[in-house]
Protein backbone atom coordinates (compact mmCIF):
# COMPACT_ATOMS: atom_id res chain seq x y z
CA UNK A 1 0.07 -0.12 -0.26
CA UNK A 2 1.36 3.57 -0.85
CA UNK A 3 1.97 5.44 2.31
CA UNK A 4 0.66 8.64 0.65
CA UNK A 5 -1.40 8.11 -2.14
CA UNK A 6 -1.90 11.00 -5.00
CA UNK A 7 -4.05 9.69 -7.57
CA UNK A 8 -6.77 7.41 -5.61
CA UNK A 9 -10.06 5.77 -7.96
CA UNK A 10 -12.90 5.49 -5.66
CA UNK A 11 -15.36 2.73 -6.96
CA UNK A 12 -18.52 3.35 -4.94
CA UNK A 13 -20.17 7.08 -4.15
CA UNK A 14 -20.97 5.90 -0.95
CA UNK A 15 -17.51 5.72 0.00
CA UNK A 16 -16.32 8.84 -1.92
CA UNK A 17 -17.29 11.46 0.51
CA UNK A 18 -14.94 9.93 3.25
CA UNK A 19 -12.12 10.69 0.82
CA UNK A 20 -13.23 14.37 0.11
CA UNK A 21 -13.62 15.14 3.96
CA UNK A 22 -10.59 13.67 4.77
CA UNK A 23 -9.18 16.28 2.16
CA UNK A 24 -7.70 12.75 0.31
CA UNK A 25 -6.67 13.23 -3.73
CA UNK A 26 -9.48 11.55 -5.68
CA UNK A 27 -8.68 11.13 -9.46
CA UNK A 28 -11.89 9.46 -10.49
CA UNK A 29 -14.92 8.17 -8.42
CA UNK A 30 -18.23 6.53 -8.83
CA UNK A 31 -21.03 8.97 -8.29
CA UNK A 32 -24.12 6.58 -7.71
CA UNK A 33 -25.64 7.31 -4.05
CA UNK A 34 -28.76 5.84 -3.43
CA UNK A 35 -31.52 7.97 -3.54
CA UNK A 36 -29.64 10.98 -4.80
CA UNK A 37 -27.78 10.07 -8.26
CA UNK A 38 -28.19 7.67 -10.77
CA UNK A 39 -26.96 6.38 -14.18
CA UNK A 40 -27.19 9.42 -15.70
CA UNK A 41 -23.99 10.85 -13.54
CA UNK A 42 -23.43 13.80 -11.70
CA UNK A 43 -21.75 14.46 -8.44
CA UNK A 44 -23.92 13.92 -5.06
CA UNK A 45 -24.53 17.63 -3.90
CA UNK A 46 -22.88 16.73 -0.36
CA UNK A 47 -19.39 16.58 -2.11
CA UNK A 48 -19.66 18.16 -5.78
CA UNK A 49 -17.74 21.12 -4.71
CA UNK A 50 -14.99 19.20 -3.34
CA UNK A 51 -15.06 16.84 -6.46
CA UNK A 52 -15.01 19.65 -9.10
CA UNK A 53 -12.35 21.74 -7.27
CA UNK A 54 -9.93 18.66 -7.38
CA UNK A 55 -10.97 18.24 -11.04
CA UNK A 56 -12.11 14.81 -10.25
CA UNK A 57 -13.68 12.68 -13.04
CA UNK A 58 -16.85 10.46 -13.10
CA UNK A 59 -16.43 6.97 -13.84
CA UNK A 60 -19.02 5.53 -16.10
CA UNK A 61 -21.60 3.98 -14.59
CA UNK A 62 -23.42 0.40 -15.85
CA UNK A 63 -24.24 -2.94 -14.86
CA UNK A 64 -20.36 -3.59 -14.87
CA UNK A 65 -17.38 -1.99 -13.69
CA UNK A 66 -15.47 -0.34 -16.25
CA UNK A 67 -12.12 -1.51 -15.72
CA UNK A 68 -10.49 -0.32 -18.36
CA UNK A 69 -11.73 3.51 -17.15
CA UNK A 70 -10.08 2.77 -13.56
CA UNK A 71 -6.68 1.76 -15.72
CA UNK A 72 -7.23 5.21 -17.54
CA UNK A 73 -7.09 7.06 -14.59
CA UNK A 74 -3.69 5.64 -13.37
CA UNK A 75 -4.31 5.36 -9.84
CA UNK A 76 -2.13 4.44 -7.04
CA UNK A 77 -4.85 3.06 -4.83
CA UNK A 78 -8.33 1.78 -5.67
CA UNK A 79 -10.75 1.89 -2.97
CA UNK A 80 -14.23 0.00 -3.31
CA UNK A 81 -16.59 -2.27 -1.52
CA UNK A 82 -19.32 -1.27 1.18
CA UNK A 83 -22.84 -1.28 -0.11
CA UNK A 84 -25.07 -1.99 -2.77
CA UNK A 85 -24.17 -2.67 -6.50
CA UNK A 86 -20.97 -1.46 -6.84
CA UNK A 87 -19.58 -3.13 -3.98
CA UNK A 88 -20.82 -6.52 -5.68
CA UNK A 89 -19.12 -5.60 -8.92
CA UNK A 90 -15.67 -4.14 -7.28
CA UNK A 91 -15.72 -7.72 -5.69
CA UNK A 92 -16.35 -9.45 -9.04
CA UNK A 93 -13.37 -7.55 -10.69
CA UNK A 94 -11.29 -7.53 -8.09
CA UNK A 95 -8.31 -9.48 -9.86
CA UNK A 96 -8.39 -7.22 -12.66
CA UNK A 97 -8.17 -4.38 -10.20
CA UNK A 98 -5.37 -5.45 -8.01
CA UNK A 99 -3.60 -5.85 -11.42
CA UNK A 100 -3.82 -2.05 -11.89
CA UNK A 101 -2.97 -0.82 -8.52
CA UNK A 102 -3.36 -1.76 -4.27
CA UNK A 103 -6.99 -2.16 -4.17
CA UNK A 104 -9.02 -2.01 -1.07
CA UNK A 105 -12.62 -3.55 -0.77
CA UNK A 106 -14.63 -2.52 2.48
CA UNK A 107 -16.58 -5.42 3.47
CA UNK A 108 -20.22 -5.33 2.86
CA UNK A 109 -20.97 -6.19 6.69
CA UNK A 110 -18.95 -2.71 7.62
CA UNK A 111 -22.45 -0.84 7.86
CA UNK A 112 -21.67 1.82 10.39
CA UNK A 113 -19.99 5.05 8.93
CA UNK A 114 -17.24 5.27 11.44
CA UNK A 115 -16.29 1.82 11.05
CA UNK A 116 -16.25 2.75 7.02
CA UNK A 117 -14.22 6.32 7.52
CA UNK A 118 -11.63 4.26 9.64
CA UNK A 119 -10.78 1.79 7.04
CA UNK A 120 -11.06 4.13 4.45
CA UNK A 121 -8.68 6.74 6.12
CA UNK A 122 -6.31 3.85 7.00
CA UNK A 123 -6.02 2.60 3.31
CA UNK A 124 -5.52 6.58 2.03
CA UNK A 125 -2.93 7.25 4.48
CA UNK A 126 -5.64 9.78 6.18
CA UNK A 127 -6.00 8.15 9.68
CA UNK A 128 -4.80 11.17 11.51
CA UNK A 129 -7.73 12.93 10.29
CA UNK A 130 -10.51 10.73 11.59
CA UNK A 131 -10.57 12.14 14.92
CA UNK A 132 -11.95 15.58 13.95
CA UNK A 133 -14.36 14.37 11.97
CA UNK A 134 -15.40 12.21 14.62
CA UNK A 135 -15.41 14.86 17.27
CA UNK A 136 -17.26 17.01 14.80
CA UNK A 137 -20.31 14.48 14.48
CA UNK A 138 -20.19 13.88 18.51
CA UNK A 139 -20.27 17.51 19.65
CA UNK A 140 -23.30 17.70 16.95
CA UNK A 141 -25.30 14.71 18.60
CA UNK A 142 -24.77 16.34 21.78
CA UNK A 143 -26.08 19.45 20.29
CA UNK A 144 -29.19 17.86 18.82
CA UNK A 145 -30.34 15.88 22.20
CA UNK A 146 -30.03 19.55 23.86
CA UNK A 147 -32.43 21.44 21.11
CA UNK A 148 -34.96 19.01 19.76
CA UNK A 149 -38.50 18.12 21.82
CA UNK A 150 -38.56 14.42 20.47
CA UNK A 151 -42.22 12.48 20.01
CA UNK A 152 -42.57 9.87 22.46
CA UNK A 153 -42.81 6.50 21.97
CA UNK A 154 -41.11 4.06 19.60
CA UNK A 155 -40.67 4.69 15.68
CA UNK A 156 -40.66 2.65 12.39
CA UNK A 157 -38.51 3.24 9.69
CA UNK A 158 -40.33 3.22 6.13
CA UNK A 159 -38.38 3.21 2.63
CA UNK A 160 -40.08 4.23 -0.46
CA UNK A 161 -38.71 2.44 -3.61
CA UNK A 162 -39.82 2.66 -7.16
CA UNK A 163 -41.85 -0.58 -6.88
CA UNK A 164 -44.08 0.70 -4.72
CA UNK A 165 -43.61 -2.29 -2.15
CA UNK A 166 -43.31 -1.69 1.49
CA UNK A 167 -39.80 -2.05 3.49
CA UNK A 168 -39.11 -1.46 6.67
CA UNK A 169 -35.63 -0.70 8.14
CA UNK A 170 -34.48 -2.87 11.33
CA UNK A 171 -33.89 -1.12 14.51
CA UNK A 172 -30.03 -2.03 14.55
CA UNK A 173 -29.45 -0.54 11.04
CA UNK A 174 -27.55 2.50 10.32
CA UNK A 175 -30.19 4.91 10.49
CA UNK A 176 -32.45 3.72 13.73
CA UNK A 177 -28.98 3.58 15.27
CA UNK A 178 -28.28 7.29 14.53
CA UNK A 179 -31.65 8.28 15.61
CA UNK A 180 -31.31 6.23 19.04
CA UNK A 181 -27.78 8.59 19.35
CA UNK A 182 -30.41 11.49 20.11
CA UNK A 183 -33.31 9.91 21.98
CA UNK A 184 -35.29 8.30 19.59
CA UNK A 185 -36.73 4.53 20.24
CA UNK A 186 -36.32 2.28 16.90
CA UNK A 187 -39.03 -0.47 17.06
CA UNK A 188 -37.83 -3.85 16.77
CA UNK A 189 -39.78 -4.40 13.54
CA UNK A 190 -37.78 -7.76 12.62
CA UNK A 191 -39.02 -9.24 15.82
CA UNK A 192 -42.75 -8.17 14.84
CA UNK A 193 -42.62 -9.29 11.56
CA UNK A 194 -41.27 -12.91 12.71
CA UNK A 195 -37.52 -12.53 11.41
CA UNK A 196 -38.03 -11.94 8.17
CA UNK A 197 -34.95 -12.51 5.76
CA UNK A 198 -33.20 -9.25 5.34
CA UNK A 199 -32.03 -7.80 1.95
CA UNK A 200 -28.68 -6.54 1.01
CA UNK A 201 -26.36 -5.72 3.93
CA UNK A 202 -29.18 -6.42 6.41
CA UNK A 203 -30.68 -2.87 6.50
CA UNK A 204 -34.07 -3.48 5.07
CA UNK A 205 -36.88 -6.12 4.52
CA UNK A 206 -39.88 -6.19 2.38
CA UNK A 207 -43.21 -6.61 4.23
CA UNK A 208 -46.73 -7.70 2.88
CA UNK A 209 -49.38 -5.00 2.29
CA UNK A 210 -51.72 -7.44 4.62
CA UNK A 211 -49.12 -7.44 7.37
CA UNK A 212 -47.71 -3.99 7.59
CA UNK A 213 -50.67 -2.71 10.03
CA UNK A 214 -49.71 -5.70 12.46
CA UNK A 215 -45.39 -4.60 12.06
CA UNK A 216 -45.60 -0.54 11.42
CA UNK A 217 -48.12 -0.22 14.54
CA UNK A 218 -45.43 2.03 16.37
CA UNK A 219 -46.65 5.61 17.11
CA UNK A 220 -44.30 7.67 15.13
CA UNK A 221 -42.68 6.76 11.56
CA UNK A 222 -40.35 8.01 9.21
CA UNK A 223 -39.97 8.08 5.85
CA UNK A 224 -37.02 7.43 3.70
CA UNK A 225 -37.84 8.25 -0.24
CA UNK A 226 -35.45 6.23 -2.33
CA UNK A 227 -37.32 6.88 -5.88
CA UNK A 228 -40.61 5.82 -4.86
CA UNK A 229 -43.27 8.20 -3.58
CA UNK A 230 -42.75 10.75 -1.52
CA UNK A 231 -44.72 11.35 1.92
CA UNK A 232 -47.90 13.19 0.79
CA UNK A 233 -48.34 10.46 -1.88
CA UNK A 234 -48.41 7.68 1.17
CA UNK A 235 -50.44 9.98 2.94
CA UNK A 236 -53.12 9.35 0.29
CA UNK A 237 -52.62 5.52 0.05
CA UNK A 238 -55.35 4.01 2.43
CA UNK A 239 -52.56 1.12 3.45
CA UNK A 240 -50.03 3.93 5.02
CA UNK A 241 -53.26 6.40 6.11
CA UNK A 242 -54.56 3.41 8.09
CA UNK A 243 -51.06 3.31 10.41
CA UNK A 244 -51.27 5.00 13.82
CA UNK A 245 -48.49 7.29 12.92
CA UNK A 246 -49.88 8.33 9.94
CA UNK A 247 -53.52 8.23 11.36
CA UNK A 248 -52.15 10.75 14.22
CA UNK A 249 -49.81 12.96 12.11
CA UNK A 250 -46.66 11.81 13.35
CA UNK A 251 -44.65 10.65 10.51
CA UNK A 252 -41.59 12.69 8.92
CA UNK A 253 -39.69 12.46 6.09
CA UNK A 254 -35.67 12.15 6.13
CA UNK A 255 -33.49 12.85 3.19
CA UNK A 256 -32.38 9.65 1.46
CA UNK A 257 -28.64 10.16 2.35
CA UNK A 258 -29.90 9.26 5.98
CA UNK A 259 -30.62 5.63 4.86
CA UNK A 260 -26.86 4.36 4.58
CA UNK A 261 -25.23 7.42 5.83
CA UNK A 262 -21.65 8.66 5.28
CA UNK A 263 -20.13 11.17 7.29
CA UNK A 264 -21.79 13.99 5.71
CA UNK A 265 -25.01 12.08 5.39
CA UNK A 266 -24.74 11.62 9.32
CA UNK A 267 -24.36 15.07 10.06
CA UNK A 268 -27.23 15.71 7.41
CA UNK A 269 -29.64 13.63 9.12
CA UNK A 270 -29.15 15.54 12.51
CA UNK A 271 -29.65 18.77 10.93
CA UNK A 272 -32.99 17.12 9.60
CA UNK A 273 -33.76 15.93 12.94
CA UNK A 274 -33.31 19.29 14.74
CA UNK A 275 -35.23 21.30 12.02
CA UNK A 276 -38.27 18.30 12.33
CA UNK A 277 -38.22 18.65 16.25
CA UNK A 278 -36.67 22.24 17.18
CA UNK A 279 -37.85 22.94 20.76
């Protein structure tokens, strides 16, 4: 591994934000962030300015990793993995990538942003920048806890996807854990659903429309729109309107970047909670 890499290629848009937060040199990156960007390209707003300032190139997005584009960037370090389709693509192309430059893949099971940050920072030779970022986050958590008046009772977390099917987020996934840090109580929807199989890295599961009312019966709910229907559209759907949280008006929308948050996404989620529940 290079001690001070100067041409880093990042294969996952969900990991690139860490490199920019650490002021590491990113020569090219995938731009896809769930619910924020897609195959049409464009840098995610949270780090678009940094990418443009560095002159970072956007890697072609597709059903397979474009290894030729990675090689053309002449990297001295490749970082990939994490969650989503880009992690699968990087794992499938690991041998080809390793022939180009030293390649580090963040395990799919590493879902906490703090752990992802540690791994990426160590690989990029920027471990000395982690403490400052972590301290900033912890100070923000403490401030939000002081400044908000949170709803009482448990909360469920609903995903709105393009296929229109109901999906819930387990209480131990990244977003519910983040909200627990400021005082919310994530509901144990996995147990209530009878321990269904979890998707991807274990941070969502589908629930049938017939069971939604019995599983998502908490008094509060948060919706994350990942390319599906927004909160107002869901409120007009009788399936959701019958839920206790919707019926009582105790339902709020959180940004897409809060679902699988990186450092910027975690701060953005805290900002959203502070705005929603300002005392």
